[in-house]
N, C-alpha and C. Protein backbone atom coordinates (compact mmCIF):
# COMPACT_ATOMS: atom_id res chain seq x y z
N UNK A 1 -31.56 15.47 -23.67
CA UNK A 1 -31.34 16.17 -22.27
C UNK A 1 -30.52 14.98 -21.47
N UNK A 2 -29.59 15.65 -20.77
CA UNK A 2 -28.50 14.69 -20.22
C UNK A 2 -28.98 14.83 -18.70
N UNK A 3 -28.94 13.65 -18.05
CA UNK A 3 -29.23 13.77 -16.45
C UNK A 3 -28.11 13.45 -15.76
N UNK A 4 -27.76 14.43 -14.84
CA UNK A 4 -26.71 14.31 -13.93
C UNK A 4 -26.87 13.42 -12.76
N UNK A 5 -25.95 12.37 -12.66
CA UNK A 5 -26.07 11.46 -11.74
C UNK A 5 -24.80 11.52 -10.58
N UNK A 6 -25.17 11.69 -9.45
CA UNK A 6 -23.83 11.73 -8.62
C UNK A 6 -23.19 10.37 -8.45
N UNK A 7 -21.83 10.52 -8.65
CA UNK A 7 -21.08 9.58 -8.52
C UNK A 7 -21.17 8.76 -6.90
N UNK A 8 -21.10 7.39 -6.97
CA UNK A 8 -21.26 6.68 -6.06
C UNK A 8 -20.29 7.19 -4.73
N UNK A 9 -19.10 7.55 -4.90
CA UNK A 9 -18.13 8.12 -3.98
C UNK A 9 -18.54 9.32 -3.56
N UNK A 10 -19.22 10.21 -4.31
CA UNK A 10 -19.69 11.53 -3.83
C UNK A 10 -20.80 11.16 -2.87
N UNK A 11 -21.69 10.23 -3.04
CA UNK A 11 -22.63 10.06 -2.12
C UNK A 11 -22.18 9.35 -0.84
N UNK A 12 -21.17 8.48 -0.94
CA UNK A 12 -20.54 7.87 0.17
C UNK A 12 -20.05 9.05 0.98
N UNK A 13 -19.31 9.82 0.30
CA UNK A 13 -18.55 10.93 1.12
C UNK A 13 -19.73 11.88 1.88
N UNK A 14 -20.64 12.15 1.03
CA UNK A 14 -21.48 12.94 1.85
C UNK A 14 -22.27 12.20 3.24
N UNK A 15 -22.45 10.92 2.70
CA UNK A 15 -23.06 10.14 4.00
C UNK A 15 -21.59 9.94 5.34
N UNK A 16 -20.71 10.14 4.87
CA UNK A 16 -19.41 10.04 5.99
C UNK A 16 -19.53 11.20 6.47
N UNK A 17 -19.56 12.29 5.86
CA UNK A 17 -19.70 13.96 6.24
C UNK A 17 -20.82 14.10 7.07
N UNK A 18 -22.01 13.58 6.78
CA UNK A 18 -23.13 13.63 7.89
C UNK A 18 -23.07 13.17 9.17
N UNK A 19 -22.32 11.88 9.15
CA UNK A 19 -21.98 11.12 10.30
C UNK A 19 -20.88 11.15 10.76
N UNK A 20 -19.98 12.11 10.37
CA UNK A 20 -18.57 12.10 10.94
C UNK A 20 -18.29 12.05 12.15
N UNK A 21 -18.94 12.52 13.11
CA UNK A 21 -18.57 12.32 14.44
C UNK A 21 -18.70 10.66 14.89
N UNK A 22 -19.85 10.17 14.66
CA UNK A 22 -20.04 8.89 15.00
C UNK A 22 -19.20 8.11 14.18
N UNK A 23 -18.80 8.06 13.07
CA UNK A 23 -17.81 7.30 12.11
C UNK A 23 -16.52 7.45 12.94
N UNK A 24 -16.06 8.69 13.21
CA UNK A 24 -14.78 8.93 13.64
C UNK A 24 -14.64 8.42 14.88
N UNK A 25 -15.62 8.47 15.82
CA UNK A 25 -15.60 7.76 17.32
C UNK A 25 -15.37 6.40 16.88
N UNK A 26 -16.13 5.59 15.92
CA UNK A 26 -16.14 4.17 15.79
C UNK A 26 -14.67 3.84 15.48
N UNK A 27 -14.00 4.65 14.71
CA UNK A 27 -12.60 4.37 14.25
C UNK A 27 -11.64 4.54 15.49
N UNK A 28 -11.88 5.42 16.17
CA UNK A 28 -11.05 5.88 17.38
C UNK A 28 -11.23 4.52 18.45
N UNK A 29 -12.39 4.11 18.49
CA UNK A 29 -12.73 2.95 19.43
C UNK A 29 -11.97 1.82 18.90
N UNK A 30 -12.19 1.68 17.58
CA UNK A 30 -11.31 0.44 16.78
C UNK A 30 -10.02 0.43 16.97
N UNK A 31 -9.26 1.79 17.16
CA UNK A 31 -7.77 1.55 17.48
C UNK A 31 -7.53 1.26 18.67
N UNK A 32 -8.31 1.81 19.77
CA UNK A 32 -8.25 1.52 21.12
C UNK A 32 -8.26 0.16 21.22
N UNK A 33 -9.29 -0.68 20.90
CA UNK A 33 -9.42 -2.05 20.87
C UNK A 33 -8.42 -2.90 20.20
N UNK A 34 -7.56 -2.62 19.05
CA UNK A 34 -6.81 -3.06 18.55
C UNK A 34 -5.33 -3.11 19.48
N UNK A 35 -5.06 -1.90 19.72
CA UNK A 35 -3.70 -1.80 20.75
C UNK A 35 -4.00 -2.45 21.95
N UNK A 36 -5.29 -2.54 22.79
CA UNK A 36 -5.39 -2.92 24.04
C UNK A 36 -5.25 -4.41 23.84
N UNK A 37 -5.71 -5.16 22.76
CA UNK A 37 -5.67 -6.49 22.44
C UNK A 37 -4.21 -6.90 22.53
N UNK A 38 -3.34 -6.36 21.96
CA UNK A 38 -1.99 -6.38 22.13
C UNK A 38 -1.50 -6.23 23.24
N UNK A 39 -1.88 -5.38 24.10
CA UNK A 39 -1.35 -5.23 25.45
C UNK A 39 -2.00 -6.19 26.19
N UNK A 40 -3.01 -6.58 26.05
CA UNK A 40 -3.22 -7.72 26.88
C UNK A 40 -2.92 -9.03 26.77
N UNK A 41 -2.86 -9.48 25.45
CA UNK A 41 -2.35 -10.88 24.99
C UNK A 41 -0.87 -10.83 24.67
N UNK A 42 -0.13 -9.82 24.55
CA UNK A 42 1.25 -10.03 24.20
C UNK A 42 1.37 -10.73 23.04
N UNK A 43 2.55 -11.63 23.21
CA UNK A 43 3.10 -12.53 22.12
C UNK A 43 1.69 -13.42 21.59
N UNK A 44 0.77 -13.66 22.47
CA UNK A 44 -0.33 -14.83 22.07
C UNK A 44 -1.53 -13.95 21.15
N UNK A 45 -1.25 -12.56 20.82
CA UNK A 45 -1.98 -11.77 20.13
C UNK A 45 -2.36 -12.36 18.71
N UNK A 46 -3.41 -11.99 18.28
CA UNK A 46 -3.72 -12.61 16.76
C UNK A 46 -3.36 -11.53 16.04
N UNK A 47 -2.05 -11.48 15.59
CA UNK A 47 -1.68 -10.53 14.96
C UNK A 47 -2.22 -9.95 13.42
N UNK A 48 -2.51 -11.09 12.73
CA UNK A 48 -2.97 -10.81 11.26
C UNK A 48 -4.37 -10.00 11.67
N UNK A 49 -5.11 -10.39 12.54
CA UNK A 49 -6.51 -10.03 13.03
C UNK A 49 -6.19 -8.43 13.37
N UNK A 50 -5.12 -8.11 14.29
CA UNK A 50 -4.97 -6.93 14.83
C UNK A 50 -4.55 -5.98 13.76
N UNK A 51 -3.69 -6.53 12.88
CA UNK A 51 -3.04 -5.62 11.94
C UNK A 51 -4.18 -5.37 11.03
N UNK A 52 -5.12 -6.24 10.52
CA UNK A 52 -6.19 -5.69 9.57
C UNK A 52 -7.13 -4.99 10.11
N UNK A 53 -7.72 -5.20 11.51
CA UNK A 53 -8.38 -4.50 12.20
C UNK A 53 -8.14 -2.74 12.40
N UNK A 54 -6.65 -2.83 12.72
CA UNK A 54 -6.01 -1.49 12.76
C UNK A 54 -5.95 -0.85 11.60
N UNK A 55 -5.39 -1.51 10.48
CA UNK A 55 -5.60 -0.79 9.22
C UNK A 55 -6.95 -0.57 8.58
N UNK A 56 -8.23 -1.09 9.08
CA UNK A 56 -9.36 -0.68 8.65
C UNK A 56 -9.64 0.47 9.49
N UNK A 57 -9.31 0.54 10.73
CA UNK A 57 -9.58 2.01 11.44
C UNK A 57 -8.59 3.27 10.94
N UNK A 58 -7.52 2.78 10.84
CA UNK A 58 -6.67 3.89 9.87
C UNK A 58 -7.31 4.43 8.48
N UNK A 59 -7.89 3.46 7.74
CA UNK A 59 -8.84 4.00 6.36
C UNK A 59 -10.00 4.62 6.77
N UNK A 60 -10.55 4.46 7.90
CA UNK A 60 -11.76 5.16 8.60
C UNK A 60 -11.45 6.59 9.10
N UNK A 61 -10.32 6.69 9.89
CA UNK A 61 -9.88 7.76 10.20
C UNK A 61 -9.00 8.63 9.06
N UNK A 62 -8.52 8.27 8.16
CA UNK A 62 -8.02 8.91 7.27
C UNK A 62 -8.93 9.53 6.46
N UNK A 63 -10.17 8.83 6.08
CA UNK A 63 -11.23 9.51 5.50
C UNK A 63 -11.90 10.61 6.14
N UNK A 64 -12.06 10.36 7.41
CA UNK A 64 -12.79 11.48 8.25
C UNK A 64 -11.81 12.84 8.13
N UNK A 65 -10.66 12.30 8.34
CA UNK A 65 -9.45 13.59 8.31
C UNK A 65 -9.42 14.56 7.01
N UNK A 66 -9.45 13.40 5.96
CA UNK A 66 -9.47 14.24 4.54
C UNK A 66 -10.72 14.86 4.44
N UNK A 67 -12.03 14.43 4.72
CA UNK A 67 -13.13 15.28 4.77
C UNK A 67 -13.10 16.45 5.52
N UNK A 68 -12.42 16.41 6.63
CA UNK A 68 -12.40 17.53 7.58
C UNK A 68 -11.18 18.48 7.14
N UNK A 69 -10.33 18.06 6.17
CA UNK A 69 -9.44 18.67 5.62
C UNK A 69 -8.35 19.08 6.81
N UNK A 70 -8.02 18.02 7.58
CA UNK A 70 -7.12 18.03 8.58
C UNK A 70 -5.76 17.38 7.99
N UNK A 71 -4.71 18.24 7.73
CA UNK A 71 -3.80 17.67 7.22
C UNK A 71 -2.67 16.91 8.27
N UNK A 72 -2.75 17.21 9.32
CA UNK A 72 -2.05 16.52 10.37
C UNK A 72 -2.51 15.11 10.66
N UNK A 73 -3.56 14.86 10.92
CA UNK A 73 -4.34 13.51 10.92
C UNK A 73 -4.59 12.81 9.65
N UNK A 74 -4.74 13.53 8.66
CA UNK A 74 -4.65 12.84 7.44
C UNK A 74 -3.23 11.92 7.05
N UNK A 75 -2.15 12.90 7.38
CA UNK A 75 -0.94 12.18 7.02
C UNK A 75 -0.55 11.40 8.32
N UNK A 76 -0.92 11.33 9.47
CA UNK A 76 -1.00 10.44 10.46
C UNK A 76 -1.61 9.30 10.16
N UNK A 77 -2.86 9.32 9.88
CA UNK A 77 -3.58 8.00 9.59
C UNK A 77 -3.33 7.30 8.26
N UNK A 78 -2.91 8.11 7.22
CA UNK A 78 -2.32 7.38 6.05
C UNK A 78 -1.06 6.94 6.24
N UNK A 79 -0.18 7.20 6.89
CA UNK A 79 0.86 6.63 7.49
C UNK A 79 0.53 5.25 8.25
N UNK A 80 -0.42 5.52 9.04
CA UNK A 80 -0.87 4.07 9.72
C UNK A 80 -1.56 2.91 8.63
N UNK A 81 -2.03 3.52 7.77
CA UNK A 81 -2.41 2.60 6.64
C UNK A 81 -1.32 2.09 6.01
N UNK A 82 -0.29 2.65 5.87
CA UNK A 82 1.00 2.10 5.14
C UNK A 82 1.69 0.92 6.17
N UNK A 83 1.78 1.47 7.34
CA UNK A 83 2.36 0.58 8.28
C UNK A 83 1.51 -0.75 8.27
N UNK A 84 0.07 -0.37 8.35
CA UNK A 84 -0.85 -1.65 8.36
C UNK A 84 -0.68 -2.67 7.51
N UNK A 85 -0.53 -2.09 6.12
CA UNK A 85 -0.09 -2.70 4.96
C UNK A 85 1.05 -3.93 5.30
N UNK A 86 1.90 -3.15 5.71
CA UNK A 86 3.38 -4.00 6.01
C UNK A 86 3.14 -4.86 7.01
N UNK A 87 2.22 -4.55 8.00
CA UNK A 87 2.02 -5.30 9.21
C UNK A 87 1.12 -6.63 8.83
N UNK A 88 0.23 -6.53 8.02
CA UNK A 88 -0.69 -7.48 7.45
C UNK A 88 0.32 -8.51 6.54
N UNK A 89 1.12 -8.00 5.70
CA UNK A 89 2.10 -8.74 5.05
C UNK A 89 2.85 -9.57 5.74
N UNK A 90 3.56 -8.89 6.74
CA UNK A 90 4.34 -9.67 7.63
C UNK A 90 3.49 -10.67 8.66
N UNK A 91 2.55 -10.43 9.03
CA UNK A 91 1.69 -11.40 9.77
C UNK A 91 1.27 -12.64 9.14
N UNK A 92 1.06 -12.11 7.93
CA UNK A 92 0.61 -13.40 7.02
C UNK A 92 1.63 -14.11 6.38
N UNK A 93 2.91 -13.74 6.74
CA UNK A 93 4.23 -14.57 6.06
C UNK A 93 4.61 -14.25 4.84
N UNK A 94 3.85 -13.21 4.21
CA UNK A 94 4.10 -12.92 2.75
C UNK A 94 5.31 -12.29 2.55
N UNK A 95 5.84 -11.19 3.60
CA UNK A 95 7.11 -10.41 3.61
C UNK A 95 8.24 -11.30 4.45
N UNK A 96 8.00 -12.31 5.07
CA UNK A 96 9.05 -12.81 6.00
C UNK A 96 9.17 -12.25 7.22
N UNK A 97 10.23 -12.44 8.02
CA UNK A 97 10.44 -12.17 9.33
C UNK A 97 11.92 -11.54 9.49
């Protein structure tokens, strides 16, 4: 007899789906915070932190959009993940200026 166990990602997706509105709102608040920080501090902003935080919110919002099957917001937020990775590499000095 074979026991079927659910994949950890499946359980995690189910947990995100059950709490989608709260998780999505957290992602939106993270985005607002990171852009506000840059607006307030300007060139004195901790850019590596801002890019890392912004990329994390893009991952959260991408995940929510994928679960909702919202193609437009999936594309937008996956794009921001890519931009964030470049921003992290530039802010850390890995890519140069």
